[in-house]
Amino acid sequence: MTQKNRLQCLIRPYKASDRESVISLFRFGSLEHVYPAFFKAMSHHDHVGISLSFAVAGYVLGGSSYVLAFLFGGAWVALVYYCCHEIYDDYLRRKLDTEMANIQANFLGSPVNSFWVAEAELNGQVNIAGLLAIMGLKCDPVTDMSDGWNGGEVDVASLEGRAGEVFNLVVSFPLRREGLGTQLTEKAIEFCKEQGFSRLVIETTSAQMAAISMFRKLGFVETTSHGSSYANHWISKIARISMIRMEMFL
């Protein structure tokens, strides 16, 4: 069922002809967090101190060379950027090879999973301006929210203690702060209530401050935070990116 919102956008189920636009938007939505994560990481006093230490070492070892000071300090800055990029790029590669490889089978093959796109007019043309996918989770009704993706294999006959997890939420940059992300999330909340789920869960990163703020306003609360990501442990540690799990009880 489609839904027309106050911003003259149309939220509807995904269809096969949307694939190219959806993949492009998904790619953008995954990699756009690299720079915010990098600037957030570099603002931490540890990275500032390490960068300055490397610069001083280069200056001394190079015989008062400003060039080596810049190169040594820049090497650490480049490593931090690489780590931030690797976290989101690794996530993108994994998802394109798994869930996003066959959207219809993985998201629309079960009544407890779904995938929506939002169409909006931009520069005189109607384009896909947002997307949100949700999958059912098998979890303990009270505490266990760590089972991960179930590939759409939820036992529909027994939904007690089930929850929906937002796979990804992306809004095209020109339509940010127009309420489209909120409306897509509300669509997911409505869907989860219809399915009899007890909770809606989303996992995001500490660099996605705007998203975290939006989810809080909608009633989500932070339940866990950890430093593990799809990337190597040391990459996550250097990037200083935390994974934040937020839940809404329905």
Protein backbone atom coordinates (compact mmCIF):
# COMPACT_ATOMS: atom_id res chain seq x y z
CA MET A 1 0.00 0.00 0.00
CA THR A 2 1.36 3.42 -0.92
CA GLN A 3 1.26 6.50 1.21
CA LYS A 4 1.26 10.13 0.09
CA ASN A 5 2.82 12.52 2.56
CA ARG A 6 2.60 16.23 3.25
CA LEU A 7 5.85 16.89 1.34
CA GLN A 8 4.29 15.54 -1.85
CA CYS A 9 6.42 12.42 -1.68
CA LEU A 10 5.16 8.95 -2.39
CA ILE A 11 6.26 6.12 -0.10
CA ARG A 12 5.70 2.79 -1.82
CA PRO A 13 7.08 -0.76 -1.91
CA TYR A 14 10.26 -1.44 -3.88
CA LYS A 15 9.93 -2.84 -7.39
CA ALA A 16 12.51 -4.37 -9.73
CA SER A 17 12.76 -1.27 -11.94
CA ASP A 18 13.99 0.74 -8.92
CA ARG A 19 17.19 -1.30 -8.54
CA GLU A 20 19.67 1.04 -10.26
CA SER A 21 18.43 4.13 -8.40
CA VAL A 22 18.22 2.28 -5.09
CA ILE A 23 21.75 0.87 -5.34
CA SER A 24 23.10 4.32 -6.22
CA LEU A 25 21.31 5.91 -3.26
CA PHE A 26 22.39 3.07 -0.95
CA ARG A 27 26.01 3.51 -2.02
CA PHE A 28 25.83 7.26 -1.39
CA GLY A 29 24.11 6.74 1.96
CA SER A 30 26.79 4.32 3.10
CA LEU A 31 29.86 6.34 2.09
CA GLU A 32 28.63 9.84 2.96
CA HIS A 33 29.50 9.19 6.62
CA VAL A 34 33.21 8.82 5.94
CA TYR A 35 34.05 12.54 6.17
CA PRO A 36 31.93 13.26 9.28
CA ALA A 37 33.50 10.22 10.96
CA PHE A 38 36.99 11.37 9.95
CA PHE A 39 36.54 14.92 11.24
CA LYS A 40 34.99 13.61 14.44
CA ALA A 41 37.90 11.22 14.95
CA MET A 42 40.55 13.85 14.24
CA SER A 43 38.98 16.25 16.72
CA HIS A 44 39.73 13.80 19.54
CA HIS A 45 42.68 14.84 21.70
CA ASP A 46 44.41 11.46 21.22
CA HIS A 47 44.62 11.88 17.46
CA VAL A 48 45.62 15.53 17.76
CA GLY A 49 48.43 14.54 20.12
CA ILE A 50 49.62 11.65 17.94
CA SER A 51 49.60 13.82 14.82
CA LEU A 52 51.67 16.50 16.54
CA SER A 53 54.06 13.89 17.93
CA PHE A 54 54.62 12.43 14.46
CA ALA A 55 55.15 15.92 13.05
CA VAL A 56 57.74 16.73 15.74
CA ALA A 57 59.49 13.41 15.11
CA GLY A 58 59.67 14.16 11.39
CA TYR A 59 60.99 17.65 12.08
CA VAL A 60 63.73 16.35 14.39
CA LEU A 61 64.72 13.32 12.31
CA GLY A 62 64.79 15.43 9.17
CA GLY A 63 67.15 17.97 10.68
CA SER A 64 64.57 20.71 11.20
CA SER A 65 62.74 19.77 8.03
CA TYR A 66 59.24 21.18 7.80
CA VAL A 67 58.59 18.91 4.83
CA LEU A 68 59.22 15.75 6.86
CA ALA A 69 57.24 17.20 9.75
CA PHE A 70 54.29 17.62 7.41
CA LEU A 71 54.76 14.16 5.88
CA PHE A 72 55.05 12.38 9.23
CA GLY A 73 52.05 14.17 10.72
CA GLY A 74 50.09 13.74 7.49
CA ALA A 75 50.82 10.00 7.50
CA TRP A 76 48.86 9.56 10.72
CA VAL A 77 46.01 11.74 9.47
CA ALA A 78 45.88 9.65 6.28
CA LEU A 79 45.75 6.45 8.33
CA VAL A 80 42.81 7.76 10.34
CA TYR A 81 40.98 8.67 7.14
CA TYR A 82 41.71 5.24 5.67
CA CYS A 83 40.26 3.54 8.76
CA CYS A 84 37.10 5.64 8.65
CA HIS A 85 36.68 4.95 4.95
CA GLU A 86 37.34 1.23 5.37
CA ILE A 87 34.58 0.80 7.96
CA TYR A 88 31.85 2.20 5.73
CA ASP A 89 33.29 0.82 2.50
CA ASP A 90 33.53 -2.68 4.00
CA TYR A 91 29.92 -2.42 5.17
CA LEU A 92 28.87 -1.34 1.67
CA ARG A 93 30.73 -4.20 -0.04
CA ARG A 94 29.30 -6.81 2.30
CA LYS A 95 25.73 -5.62 1.92
CA LEU A 96 25.94 -5.31 -1.86
CA ASP A 97 27.15 -8.93 -1.96
CA THR A 98 24.48 -10.24 0.42
CA GLU A 99 21.12 -8.61 1.23
CA MET A 100 21.24 -6.00 -1.55
CA ALA A 101 22.28 -8.56 -4.17
CA ASN A 102 18.66 -9.72 -4.44
CA ILE A 103 16.35 -7.19 -2.83
CA GLN A 104 13.14 -8.88 -3.87
CA ALA A 105 14.15 -12.25 -2.47
CA ASN A 106 15.74 -10.98 0.74
CA PHE A 107 13.32 -8.22 1.67
CA LEU A 108 10.04 -8.96 -0.11
CA GLY A 109 10.06 -12.74 0.09
CA SER A 110 8.53 -12.78 3.58
CA PRO A 111 5.50 -10.96 5.01
CA VAL A 112 7.57 -9.84 8.00
CA ASN A 113 10.21 -8.08 5.87
CA SER A 114 9.70 -5.05 3.68
CA PHE A 115 11.52 -2.47 1.55
CA TRP A 116 10.12 0.97 0.74
CA VAL A 117 11.25 3.79 -1.51
CA ALA A 118 10.17 7.42 -1.38
CA GLU A 119 9.61 9.29 -4.62
CA ALA A 120 9.86 13.08 -4.70
CA GLU A 121 10.11 15.80 -7.30
CA LEU A 122 13.56 17.32 -7.54
CA ASN A 123 14.64 19.77 -10.26
CA GLY A 124 11.44 19.12 -12.16
CA GLN A 125 11.87 15.34 -12.18
CA VAL A 126 10.41 12.65 -9.95
CA ASN A 127 13.21 10.52 -8.51
CA ILE A 128 13.74 8.06 -5.71
CA ALA A 129 14.73 10.32 -2.84
CA GLY A 130 14.77 7.90 0.07
CA LEU A 131 14.69 4.26 1.06
CA LEU A 132 14.12 2.18 4.13
CA ALA A 133 14.20 -1.59 4.56
CA ILE A 134 13.19 -3.67 7.54
CA MET A 135 13.69 -7.31 8.44
CA GLY A 136 12.19 -9.47 11.16
CA LEU A 137 14.45 -10.64 13.97
CA LYS A 138 14.32 -13.77 16.07
CA CYS A 139 15.06 -12.63 19.60
CA ASP A 140 14.21 -13.19 23.22
CA PRO A 141 11.13 -11.13 24.17
CA VAL A 142 12.98 -9.30 26.93
CA THR A 143 16.74 -9.11 26.55
CA ASP A 144 18.33 -10.71 23.51
CA MET A 145 18.60 -8.33 20.56
CA SER A 146 21.90 -9.66 19.21
CA ASP A 147 20.88 -12.54 16.95
CA GLY A 148 21.37 -10.49 13.78
CA TRP A 149 19.78 -10.91 10.38
CA ASN A 150 17.66 -13.99 9.89
CA GLY A 151 17.49 -13.76 6.12
CA GLY A 152 13.70 -13.35 6.18
CA GLU A 153 13.08 -16.73 7.81
CA VAL A 154 10.88 -15.58 10.68
CA ASP A 155 8.28 -18.06 11.86
CA VAL A 156 5.17 -16.05 10.93
CA ALA A 157 2.96 -18.32 13.05
CA SER A 158 4.79 -17.35 16.24
CA LEU A 159 5.60 -13.65 16.54
CA GLU A 160 5.84 -13.42 20.35
CA GLY A 161 8.99 -11.53 21.24
CA ARG A 162 9.75 -10.75 17.60
CA ALA A 163 11.20 -7.43 16.55
CA GLY A 164 11.81 -5.54 13.37
CA GLU A 165 15.26 -4.16 12.58
CA VAL A 166 15.87 -1.30 10.21
CA PHE A 167 18.36 -2.53 7.63
CA ASN A 168 19.11 0.92 6.28
CA LEU A 169 17.58 4.37 6.07
CA VAL A 170 18.83 6.78 3.40
CA VAL A 171 17.49 10.15 2.30
CA SER A 172 18.83 12.04 -0.71
CA PHE A 173 20.94 15.01 0.40
CA PRO A 174 18.83 17.78 -1.24
CA LEU A 175 15.77 16.63 0.73
CA ARG A 176 17.43 16.43 4.14
CA ARG A 177 15.69 18.15 7.04
CA GLU A 178 12.36 18.02 5.22
CA GLY A 179 10.90 15.26 7.38
CA LEU A 180 11.29 12.47 4.84
CA GLY A 181 13.46 10.35 7.14
CA THR A 182 10.86 10.73 9.87
CA GLN A 183 8.05 9.66 7.55
CA LEU A 184 9.96 6.60 6.36
CA THR A 185 10.64 5.62 9.97
CA GLU A 186 6.98 6.12 10.85
CA LYS A 187 6.13 3.81 7.96
CA ALA A 188 8.39 1.17 9.51
CA ILE A 189 6.80 1.67 12.93
CA GLU A 190 3.33 1.24 11.44
CA PHE A 191 4.47 -1.93 9.63
CA CYS A 192 5.97 -3.43 12.81
CA LYS A 193 2.78 -2.77 14.76
CA GLU A 194 0.75 -4.47 12.04
CA GLN A 195 3.04 -7.50 12.29
CA GLY A 196 2.65 -7.66 16.06
CA PHE A 197 6.31 -6.99 16.74
CA SER A 198 7.25 -5.89 20.25
CA ARG A 199 10.13 -3.63 19.23
CA LEU A 200 11.73 -1.76 16.36
CA VAL A 201 15.52 -1.75 16.43
CA ILE A 202 18.13 0.20 14.51
CA GLU A 203 21.91 0.09 14.64
CA THR A 204 23.78 3.19 13.59
CA THR A 205 27.22 4.69 14.12
CA SER A 206 28.36 7.43 16.46
CA ALA A 207 29.22 9.61 13.44
CA GLN A 208 25.57 9.78 12.31
CA MET A 209 24.51 12.48 14.76
CA ALA A 210 21.54 13.76 12.74
CA ALA A 211 20.06 10.28 12.49
CA ILE A 212 20.57 9.62 16.20
CA SER A 213 18.83 12.90 17.03
CA MET A 214 15.88 12.03 14.77
CA PHE A 215 15.46 8.59 16.30
CA ARG A 216 15.51 10.06 19.81
CA LYS A 217 12.76 12.51 18.87
CA LEU A 218 10.67 9.60 17.58
CA GLY A 219 10.99 7.77 20.90
CA PHE A 220 13.96 5.46 20.36
CA VAL A 221 16.34 4.91 23.27
CA GLU A 222 19.98 3.81 23.18
CA THR A 223 20.36 0.30 24.58
CA THR A 224 23.93 -0.70 23.74
CA SER A 225 27.11 0.80 22.35
CA HIS A 226 30.20 -1.10 21.24
CA GLY A 227 33.32 -0.62 19.14
CA SER A 228 32.88 -3.67 16.90
CA SER A 229 32.12 -3.16 13.24
CA TYR A 230 32.45 -5.13 10.01
CA ALA A 231 36.06 -3.96 9.75
CA ASN A 232 39.13 -5.13 11.68
CA HIS A 233 39.16 -4.33 15.40
CA TRP A 234 42.16 -2.00 15.11
CA ILE A 235 40.59 -0.15 12.21
CA SER A 236 37.51 0.54 14.35
CA LYS A 237 39.70 1.55 17.27
CA ILE A 238 41.74 4.06 15.25
CA ALA A 239 38.59 5.47 13.60
CA ARG A 240 37.00 5.80 17.05
CA ILE A 241 33.61 4.81 15.65
CA SER A 242 31.09 3.19 17.96
CA MET A 243 28.10 1.14 16.87
CA ILE A 244 24.97 2.35 18.65
CA ARG A 245 21.86 0.19 18.97
CA MET A 246 18.58 2.02 19.54
CA GLU A 247 15.19 0.50 20.26
CA MET A 248 11.57 1.56 20.33
CA PHE A 249 9.05 -0.51 22.27
CA LEU A 250 5.78 -0.80 20.36
